[in-house]
Amino acid sequence: MFQDEKTDGPSYMDLMDCLSTIYFAKRAAQKDPQVGDFTSILVLTRKGHMELSDEAWEYLKENMKPIEAPKGLNFKDDFLRTSSP
C-alpha cells in the first residue's frame, strides 16, 4: 500500500517501488496463456486518481529485469492447508 503522507495506519512504500512490484507481478502472470496483455494501473491519492501514462509503461519495461522462475524448488504437502469458510 502506498500512502502519500505518513500516518499511524498501514505501512507504505515508495511509489516507484510499488509500481515496479505491480509491473513485475503482471509480467509473471502473463506467462499463463489465460492472462491477457492489457493492464491499467490507477494511482489513488487523497486528491483523486491518475492512470499510468504510456511513458511510465515504457520506463518500467526498459528498466525491469527479465523474469526467470527459480529452479529446483520442491512442493511439500504442508504448503497447503484446508481453508475455513
PDB file of N, CA and C in Angstrom:
ATOM      1  N   MET A   1       0.843  -1.172   0.000  1.00  0.00           N
ATOM      2  CA  MET A   1       0.000   0.000   0.000  1.00  0.00           C
ATOM      3  C   MET A   1       0.888   1.235   0.000  1.00  0.00           C
ATOM      4  N   PHE A   2       0.584   2.152  -0.852  1.00  0.00           N
ATOM      5  CA  PHE A   2       1.319   3.411  -0.892  1.00  0.00           C
ATOM      6  C   PHE A   2       0.472   4.481  -0.222  1.00  0.00           C
ATOM      7  N   GLN A   3       1.059   5.267   0.623  1.00  0.00           N
ATOM      8  CA  GLN A   3       0.376   6.411   1.228  1.00  0.00           C
ATOM      9  C   GLN A   3       1.191   7.660   0.929  1.00  0.00           C
ATOM     10  N   ASP A   4       0.510   8.733   0.599  1.00  0.00           N
ATOM     11  CA  ASP A   4       1.240   9.957   0.265  1.00  0.00           C
ATOM     12  C   ASP A   4       1.638  10.759   1.491  1.00  0.00           C
ATOM     13  N   GLU A   5       1.196  10.367   2.653  1.00  0.00           N
ATOM     14  CA  GLU A   5       1.590  11.033   3.898  1.00  0.00           C
ATOM     15  C   GLU A   5       1.817   9.967   4.955  1.00  0.00           C
ATOM     16  N   LYS A   6       2.751  10.220   5.870  1.00  0.00           N
ATOM     17  CA  LYS A   6       2.971   9.269   6.962  1.00  0.00           C
ATOM     18  C   LYS A   6       1.794   9.337   7.933  1.00  0.00           C
ATOM     19  N   THR A   7       1.316   8.160   8.312  1.00  0.00           N
ATOM     20  CA  THR A   7       0.231   8.074   9.293  1.00  0.00           C
ATOM     21  C   THR A   7       0.522   6.911  10.220  1.00  0.00           C
ATOM     22  N   ASP A   8      -0.340   6.712  11.184  1.00  0.00           N
ATOM     23  CA  ASP A   8      -0.222   5.567  12.075  1.00  0.00           C
ATOM     24  C   ASP A   8      -0.876   4.336  11.466  1.00  0.00           C
ATOM     25  N   GLY A   9      -1.357   4.434  10.250  1.00  0.00           N
ATOM     26  CA  GLY A   9      -2.047   3.330   9.582  1.00  0.00           C
ATOM     27  C   GLY A   9      -1.080   2.306   9.015  1.00  0.00           C
ATOM     28  N   PRO A  10      -1.490   1.637   7.960  1.00  0.00           N
ATOM     29  CA  PRO A  10      -0.659   0.589   7.350  1.00  0.00           C
ATOM     30  C   PRO A  10       0.683   1.139   6.872  1.00  0.00           C
ATOM     31  N   SER A  11       1.655   0.233   6.750  1.00  0.00           N
ATOM     32  CA  SER A  11       2.964   0.672   6.263  1.00  0.00           C
ATOM     33  C   SER A  11       2.839   1.103   4.801  1.00  0.00           C
ATOM     34  N   TYR A  12       3.784   1.857   4.334  1.00  0.00           N
ATOM     35  CA  TYR A  12       3.737   2.369   2.980  1.00  0.00           C
ATOM     36  C   TYR A  12       5.080   2.143   2.300  1.00  0.00           C
ATOM     37  N   MET A  13       5.082   2.258   0.985  1.00  0.00           N
ATOM     38  CA  MET A  13       6.318   2.119   0.227  1.00  0.00           C
ATOM     39  C   MET A  13       6.392   3.231  -0.803  1.00  0.00           C
ATOM     40  N   ASP A  14       7.584   3.438  -1.305  1.00  0.00           N
ATOM     41  CA  ASP A  14       7.823   4.417  -2.355  1.00  0.00           C
ATOM     42  C   ASP A  14       6.953   4.074  -3.570  1.00  0.00           C
ATOM     43  N   LEU A  15       6.414   5.082  -4.235  1.00  0.00           N
ATOM     44  CA  LEU A  15       5.517   4.851  -5.368  1.00  0.00           C
ATOM     45  C   LEU A  15       6.193   4.057  -6.479  1.00  0.00           C
ATOM     46  N   MET A  16       7.439   4.363  -6.840  1.00  0.00           N
ATOM     47  CA  MET A  16       8.109   3.612  -7.910  1.00  0.00           C
ATOM     48  C   MET A  16       8.350   2.168  -7.500  1.00  0.00           C
ATOM     49  N   ASP A  17       8.656   1.918  -6.219  1.00  0.00           N
ATOM     50  CA  ASP A  17       8.800   0.538  -5.746  1.00  0.00           C
ATOM     51  C   ASP A  17       7.476  -0.205  -5.895  1.00  0.00           C
ATOM     52  N   CYS A  18       6.395   0.468  -5.551  1.00  0.00           N
ATOM     53  CA  CYS A  18       5.069  -0.122  -5.670  1.00  0.00           C
ATOM     54  C   CYS A  18       4.735  -0.425  -7.130  1.00  0.00           C
ATOM     55  N   LEU A  19       4.951   0.537  -8.018  1.00  0.00           N
ATOM     56  CA  LEU A  19       4.653   0.343  -9.438  1.00  0.00           C
ATOM     57  C   LEU A  19       5.499  -0.766 -10.053  1.00  0.00           C
ATOM     58  N   SER A  20       6.777  -0.823  -9.697  1.00  0.00           N
ATOM     59  CA  SER A  20       7.625  -1.858 -10.268  1.00  0.00           C
ATOM     60  C   SER A  20       7.232  -3.246  -9.750  1.00  0.00           C
ATOM     61  N   THR A  21       6.770  -3.333  -8.507  1.00  0.00           N
ATOM     62  CA  THR A  21       6.302  -4.606  -7.966  1.00  0.00           C
ATOM     63  C   THR A  21       5.035  -5.069  -8.696  1.00  0.00           C
ATOM     64  N   ILE A  22       4.124  -4.143  -8.943  1.00  0.00           N
ATOM     65  CA  ILE A  22       2.899  -4.461  -9.681  1.00  0.00           C
ATOM     66  C   ILE A  22       3.244  -4.895 -11.105  1.00  0.00           C
ATOM     67  N   TYR A  23       4.140  -4.167 -11.746  1.00  0.00           N
ATOM     68  CA  TYR A  23       4.533  -4.496 -13.119  1.00  0.00           C
ATOM     69  C   TYR A  23       5.201  -5.869 -13.179  1.00  0.00           C
ATOM     70  N   PHE A  24       6.058  -6.159 -12.223  1.00  0.00           N
ATOM     71  CA  PHE A  24       6.732  -7.453 -12.159  1.00  0.00           C
ATOM     72  C   PHE A  24       5.697  -8.580 -12.010  1.00  0.00           C
ATOM     73  N   ALA A  25       4.714  -8.389 -11.137  1.00  0.00           N
ATOM     74  CA  ALA A  25       3.671  -9.402 -10.942  1.00  0.00           C
ATOM     75  C   ALA A  25       2.847  -9.592 -12.213  1.00  0.00           C
ATOM     76  N   LYS A  26       2.554  -8.510 -12.911  1.00  0.00           N
ATOM     77  CA  LYS A  26       1.794  -8.599 -14.162  1.00  0.00           C
ATOM     78  C   LYS A  26       2.581  -9.383 -15.202  1.00  0.00           C
ATOM     79  N   ARG A  27       3.863  -9.101 -15.338  1.00  0.00           N
ATOM     80  CA  ARG A  27       4.683  -9.845 -16.306  1.00  0.00           C
ATOM     81  C   ARG A  27       4.746 -11.320 -15.946  1.00  0.00           C
ATOM     82  N   ALA A  28       4.850 -11.627 -14.670  1.00  0.00           N
ATOM     83  CA  ALA A  28       4.872 -13.025 -14.247  1.00  0.00           C
ATOM     84  C   ALA A  28       3.541 -13.697 -14.583  1.00  0.00           C
ATOM     85  N   ALA A  29       2.434 -13.001 -14.348  1.00  0.00           N
ATOM     86  CA  ALA A  29       1.114 -13.559 -14.636  1.00  0.00           C
ATOM     87  C   ALA A  29       0.917 -13.798 -16.128  1.00  0.00           C
ATOM     88  N   GLN A  30       1.535 -12.974 -16.965  1.00  0.00           N
ATOM     89  CA  GLN A  30       1.372 -13.107 -18.414  1.00  0.00           C
ATOM     90  C   GLN A  30       2.024 -14.367 -18.966  1.00  0.00           C
ATOM     91  N   LYS A  31       2.771 -15.087 -18.176  1.00  0.00           N
ATOM     92  CA  LYS A  31       3.314 -16.365 -18.619  1.00  0.00           C
ATOM     93  C   LYS A  31       2.191 -17.400 -18.735  1.00  0.00           C
ATOM     94  N   ASP A  32       1.051 -17.140 -18.093  1.00  0.00           N
ATOM     95  CA  ASP A  32      -0.119 -18.006 -18.209  1.00  0.00           C
ATOM     96  C   ASP A  32      -0.884 -17.578 -19.461  1.00  0.00           C
ATOM     97  N   PRO A  33      -1.211 -18.506 -20.350  1.00  0.00           N
ATOM     98  CA  PRO A  33      -1.909 -18.120 -21.585  1.00  0.00           C
ATOM     99  C   PRO A  33      -3.304 -17.545 -21.353  1.00  0.00           C
ATOM    100  N   GLN A  34      -3.875 -17.735 -20.173  1.00  0.00           N
ATOM    101  CA  GLN A  34      -5.196 -17.192 -19.868  1.00  0.00           C
ATOM    102  C   GLN A  34      -5.152 -15.714 -19.488  1.00  0.00           C
ATOM    103  N   VAL A  35      -3.956 -15.179 -19.254  1.00  0.00           N
ATOM    104  CA  VAL A  35      -3.803 -13.783 -18.846  1.00  0.00           C
ATOM    105  C   VAL A  35      -3.485 -12.941 -20.077  1.00  0.00           C
ATOM    106  N   GLY A  36      -4.271 -11.901 -20.289  1.00  0.00           N
ATOM    107  CA  GLY A  36      -4.087 -11.053 -21.459  1.00  0.00           C
ATOM    108  C   GLY A  36      -2.997 -10.009 -21.278  1.00  0.00           C
ATOM    109  N   ASP A  37      -2.741  -9.276 -22.349  1.00  0.00           N
ATOM    110  CA  ASP A  37      -1.700  -8.256 -22.351  1.00  0.00           C
ATOM    111  C   ASP A  37      -2.156  -6.941 -21.716  1.00  0.00           C
ATOM    112  N   PHE A  38      -3.456  -6.643 -21.791  1.00  0.00           N
ATOM    113  CA  PHE A  38      -3.943  -5.337 -21.352  1.00  0.00           C
ATOM    114  C   PHE A  38      -3.909  -5.213 -19.831  1.00  0.00           C
ATOM    115  N   THR A  39      -3.367  -4.112 -19.369  1.00  0.00           N
ATOM    116  CA  THR A  39      -3.353  -3.788 -17.943  1.00  0.00           C
ATOM    117  C   THR A  39      -3.503  -2.286 -17.800  1.00  0.00           C
ATOM    118  N   SER A  40      -4.235  -1.895 -16.813  1.00  0.00           N
ATOM    119  CA  SER A  40      -4.363  -0.487 -16.485  1.00  0.00           C
ATOM    120  C   SER A  40      -4.047  -0.328 -15.008  1.00  0.00           C
ATOM    121  N   ILE A  41      -3.224   0.641 -14.678  1.00  0.00           N
ATOM    122  CA  ILE A  41      -2.892   0.906 -13.282  1.00  0.00           C
ATOM    123  C   ILE A  41      -3.354   2.316 -12.942  1.00  0.00           C
ATOM    124  N   LEU A  42      -4.155   2.397 -11.904  1.00  0.00           N
ATOM    125  CA  LEU A  42      -4.591   3.690 -11.391  1.00  0.00           C
ATOM    126  C   LEU A  42      -3.861   3.952 -10.084  1.00  0.00           C
ATOM    127  N   VAL A  43      -3.366   5.158  -9.929  1.00  0.00           N
ATOM    128  CA  VAL A  43      -2.732   5.578  -8.689  1.00  0.00           C
ATOM    129  C   VAL A  43      -3.759   6.418  -7.938  1.00  0.00           C
ATOM    130  N   LEU A  44      -4.166   5.910  -6.783  1.00  0.00           N
ATOM    131  CA  LEU A  44      -5.181   6.596  -5.983  1.00  0.00           C
ATOM    132  C   LEU A  44      -4.504   7.467  -4.935  1.00  0.00           C
ATOM    133  N   THR A  45      -4.952   8.694  -4.822  1.00  0.00           N
ATOM    134  CA  THR A  45      -4.452   9.613  -3.801  1.00  0.00           C
ATOM    135  C   THR A  45      -5.648  10.231  -3.087  1.00  0.00           C
ATOM    136  N   ARG A  46      -5.381  10.994  -2.083  1.00  0.00           N
ATOM    137  CA  ARG A  46      -6.484  11.674  -1.388  1.00  0.00           C
ATOM    138  C   ARG A  46      -7.137  12.729  -2.285  1.00  0.00           C
ATOM    139  N   LYS A  47      -6.422  13.150  -3.309  1.00  0.00           N
ATOM    140  CA  LYS A  47      -6.942  14.187  -4.203  1.00  0.00           C
ATOM    141  C   LYS A  47      -7.648  13.610  -5.428  1.00  0.00           C
ATOM    142  N   GLY A  48      -7.601  12.292  -5.609  1.00  0.00           N
ATOM    143  CA  GLY A  48      -8.230  11.683  -6.776  1.00  0.00           C
ATOM    144  C   GLY A  48      -7.406  10.518  -7.283  1.00  0.00           C
ATOM    145  N   HIS A  49      -7.503  10.253  -8.583  1.00  0.00           N
ATOM    146  CA  HIS A  49      -6.728   9.173  -9.165  1.00  0.00           C
ATOM    147  C   HIS A  49      -6.168   9.587 -10.520  1.00  0.00           C
ATOM    148  N   MET A  50      -5.063   8.933 -10.872  1.00  0.00           N
ATOM    149  CA  MET A  50      -4.401   9.173 -12.151  1.00  0.00           C
ATOM    150  C   MET A  50      -4.041   7.823 -12.749  1.00  0.00           C
ATOM    151  N   GLU A  51      -4.059   7.737 -14.072  1.00  0.00           N
ATOM    152  CA  GLU A  51      -3.693   6.496 -14.756  1.00  0.00           C
ATOM    153  C   GLU A  51      -2.237   6.563 -15.186  1.00  0.00           C
ATOM    154  N   LEU A  52      -1.572   5.420 -15.142  1.00  0.00           N
ATOM    155  CA  LEU A  52      -0.179   5.345 -15.570  1.00  0.00           C
ATOM    156  C   LEU A  52      -0.082   5.683 -17.057  1.00  0.00           C
ATOM    157  N   SER A  53       0.838   6.563 -17.427  1.00  0.00           N
ATOM    158  CA  SER A  53       0.984   7.012 -18.817  1.00  0.00           C
ATOM    159  C   SER A  53       1.766   5.988 -19.640  1.00  0.00           C
ATOM    160  N   ASP A  54       1.708   6.138 -20.951  1.00  0.00           N
ATOM    161  CA  ASP A  54       2.496   5.277 -21.846  1.00  0.00           C
ATOM    162  C   ASP A  54       3.991   5.431 -21.555  1.00  0.00           C
ATOM    163  N   GLU A  55       4.394   6.648 -21.228  1.00  0.00           N
ATOM    164  CA  GLU A  55       5.801   6.901 -20.900  1.00  0.00           C
ATOM    165  C   GLU A  55       6.221   6.086 -19.664  1.00  0.00           C
ATOM    166  N   ALA A  56       5.355   6.013 -18.665  1.00  0.00           N
ATOM    167  CA  ALA A  56       5.659   5.242 -17.458  1.00  0.00           C
ATOM    168  C   ALA A  56       5.755   3.757 -17.773  1.00  0.00           C
ATOM    169  N   TRP A  57       4.833   3.241 -18.610  1.00  0.00           N
ATOM    170  CA  TRP A  57       4.893   1.825 -19.007  1.00  0.00           C
ATOM    171  C   TRP A  57       6.213   1.521 -19.711  1.00  0.00           C
ATOM    172  N   GLU A  58       6.625   2.390 -20.626  1.00  0.00           N
ATOM    173  CA  GLU A  58       7.894   2.193 -21.344  1.00  0.00           C
ATOM    174  C   GLU A  58       9.078   2.222 -20.387  1.00  0.00           C
ATOM    175  N   TYR A  59       9.047   3.149 -19.442  1.00  0.00           N
ATOM    176  CA  TYR A  59      10.121   3.264 -18.455  1.00  0.00           C
ATOM    177  C   TYR A  59      10.243   1.972 -17.653  1.00  0.00           C
ATOM    178  N   LEU A  60       9.112   1.449 -17.182  1.00  0.00           N
ATOM    179  CA  LEU A  60       9.137   0.193 -16.428  1.00  0.00           C
ATOM    180  C   LEU A  60       9.632  -0.959 -17.301  1.00  0.00           C
ATOM    181  N   LYS A  61       9.130  -1.020 -18.521  1.00  0.00           N
ATOM    182  CA  LYS A  61       9.511  -2.097 -19.449  1.00  0.00           C
ATOM    183  C   LYS A  61      11.018  -2.094 -19.712  1.00  0.00           C
ATOM    184  N   GLU A  62      11.579  -0.926 -19.905  1.00  0.00           N
ATOM    185  CA  GLU A  62      13.001  -0.805 -20.206  1.00  0.00           C
ATOM    186  C   GLU A  62      13.898  -1.055 -18.987  1.00  0.00           C
ATOM    187  N   ASN A  63      13.389  -0.808 -17.791  1.00  0.00           N
ATOM    188  CA  ASN A  63      14.228  -0.870 -16.599  1.00  0.00           C
ATOM    189  C   ASN A  63      14.024  -2.098 -15.719  1.00  0.00           C
ATOM    190  N   MET A  64      13.052  -2.934 -16.043  1.00  0.00           N
ATOM    191  CA  MET A  64      12.822  -4.145 -15.255  1.00  0.00           C
ATOM    192  C   MET A  64      13.589  -5.307 -15.863  1.00  0.00           C
ATOM    193  N   LYS A  65      14.233  -6.089 -15.026  1.00  0.00           N
ATOM    194  CA  LYS A  65      14.982  -7.252 -15.491  1.00  0.00           C
ATOM    195  C   LYS A  65      14.013  -8.354 -15.911  1.00  0.00           C
ATOM    196  N   PRO A  66      14.457  -9.229 -16.817  1.00  0.00           N
ATOM    197  CA  PRO A  66      13.594 -10.345 -17.231  1.00  0.00           C
ATOM    198  C   PRO A  66      13.225 -11.240 -16.043  1.00  0.00           C
ATOM    199  N   ILE A  67      12.050 -11.817 -16.131  1.00  0.00           N
ATOM    200  CA  ILE A  67      11.574 -12.711 -15.080  1.00  0.00           C
ATOM    201  C   ILE A  67      12.050 -14.125 -15.380  1.00  0.00           C
ATOM    202  N   GLU A  68      12.681 -14.728 -14.407  1.00  0.00           N
ATOM    203  CA  GLU A  68      13.073 -16.126 -14.532  1.00  0.00           C
ATOM    204  C   GLU A  68      12.637 -16.849 -13.272  1.00  0.00           C
ATOM    205  N   ALA A  69      11.923 -17.948 -13.466  1.00  0.00           N
ATOM    206  CA  ALA A  69      11.479 -18.734 -12.319  1.00  0.00           C
ATOM    207  C   ALA A  69      12.674 -19.447 -11.698  1.00  0.00           C
ATOM    208  N   PRO A  70      12.710 -19.536 -10.381  1.00  0.00           N
ATOM    209  CA  PRO A  70      13.798 -20.265  -9.729  1.00  0.00           C
ATOM    210  C   PRO A  70      13.737 -21.746 -10.084  1.00  0.00           C
ATOM    211  N   LYS A  71      14.867 -22.389 -10.146  1.00  0.00           N
ATOM    212  CA  LYS A  71      14.959 -23.811 -10.489  1.00  0.00           C
ATOM    213  C   LYS A  71      15.130 -24.633  -9.221  1.00  0.00           C
ATOM    214  N   GLY A  72      14.649 -25.865  -9.258  1.00  0.00           N
ATOM    215  CA  GLY A  72      14.909 -26.804  -8.175  1.00  0.00           C
ATOM    216  C   GLY A  72      14.027 -26.663  -6.947  1.00  0.00           C
ATOM    217  N   LEU A  73      12.922 -25.933  -7.046  1.00  0.00           N
ATOM    218  CA  LEU A  73      12.023 -25.827  -5.901  1.00  0.00           C
ATOM    219  C   LEU A  73      11.172 -27.092  -5.817  1.00  0.00           C
ATOM    220  N   ASN A  74      10.936 -27.573  -4.613  1.00  0.00           N
ATOM    221  CA  ASN A  74      10.133 -28.775  -4.413  1.00  0.00           C
ATOM    222  C   ASN A  74       8.904 -28.449  -3.586  1.00  0.00           C
ATOM    223  N   PHE A  75       7.746 -28.870  -4.080  1.00  0.00           N
ATOM    224  CA  PHE A  75       6.496 -28.654  -3.372  1.00  0.00           C
ATOM    225  C   PHE A  75       6.370 -29.674  -2.247  1.00  0.00           C
ATOM    226  N   LYS A  76       5.899 -29.221  -1.093  1.00  0.00           N
ATOM    227  CA  LYS A  76       5.667 -30.105   0.048  1.00  0.00           C
ATOM    228  C   LYS A  76       4.185 -30.069   0.394  1.00  0.00           C
ATOM    229  N   ASP A  77       3.666 -31.193   0.846  1.00  0.00           N
ATOM    230  CA  ASP A  77       2.231 -31.287   1.172  1.00  0.00           C
ATOM    231  C   ASP A  77       1.808 -30.254   2.228  1.00  0.00           C
ATOM    232  N   ASP A  78       2.696 -29.918   3.150  1.00  0.00           N
ATOM    233  CA  ASP A  78       2.309 -28.973   4.203  1.00  0.00           C
ATOM    234  C   ASP A  78       2.311 -27.509   3.735  1.00  0.00           C
ATOM    235  N   PHE A  79       2.586 -27.275   2.446  1.00  0.00           N
ATOM    236  CA  PHE A  79       2.475 -25.920   1.913  1.00  0.00           C
ATOM    237  C   PHE A  79       1.024 -25.490   1.749  1.00  0.00           C
ATOM    238  N   LEU A  80       0.087 -26.440   1.733  1.00  0.00           N
ATOM    239  CA  LEU A  80      -1.336 -26.144   1.612  1.00  0.00           C
ATOM    240  C   LEU A  80      -2.057 -26.604   2.860  1.00  0.00           C
ATOM    241  N   ARG A  81      -3.090 -25.875   3.233  1.00  0.00           N
ATOM    242  CA  ARG A  81      -3.924 -26.286   4.363  1.00  0.00           C
ATOM    243  C   ARG A  81      -5.375 -26.064   3.974  1.00  0.00           C
ATOM    244  N   THR A  82      -6.259 -26.742   4.649  1.00  0.00           N
ATOM    245  CA  THR A  82      -7.679 -26.601   4.403  1.00  0.00           C
ATOM    246  C   THR A  82      -8.116 -25.224   4.876  1.00  0.00           C
ATOM    247  N   SER A  83      -8.839 -24.523   4.032  1.00  0.00           N
ATOM    248  CA  SER A  83      -9.308 -23.194   4.426  1.00  0.00           C
ATOM    249  C   SER A  83     -10.673 -23.303   5.080  1.00  0.00           C
ATOM    250  N   SER A  84     -10.910 -22.442   6.028  1.00  0.00           N
ATOM    251  CA  SER A  84     -12.212 -22.443   6.706  1.00  0.00           C
ATOM    252  C   SER A  84     -13.141 -21.465   6.004  1.00  0.00           C
ATOM    253  N   PRO A  85     -14.429 -21.797   5.951  1.00  0.00           N
ATOM    254  CA  PRO A  85     -15.391 -20.932   5.226  1.00  0.00           C
ATOM    255  C   PRO A  85     -15.578 -19.578   5.853  1.00  0.00           C
TER     256      PRO A  85
END
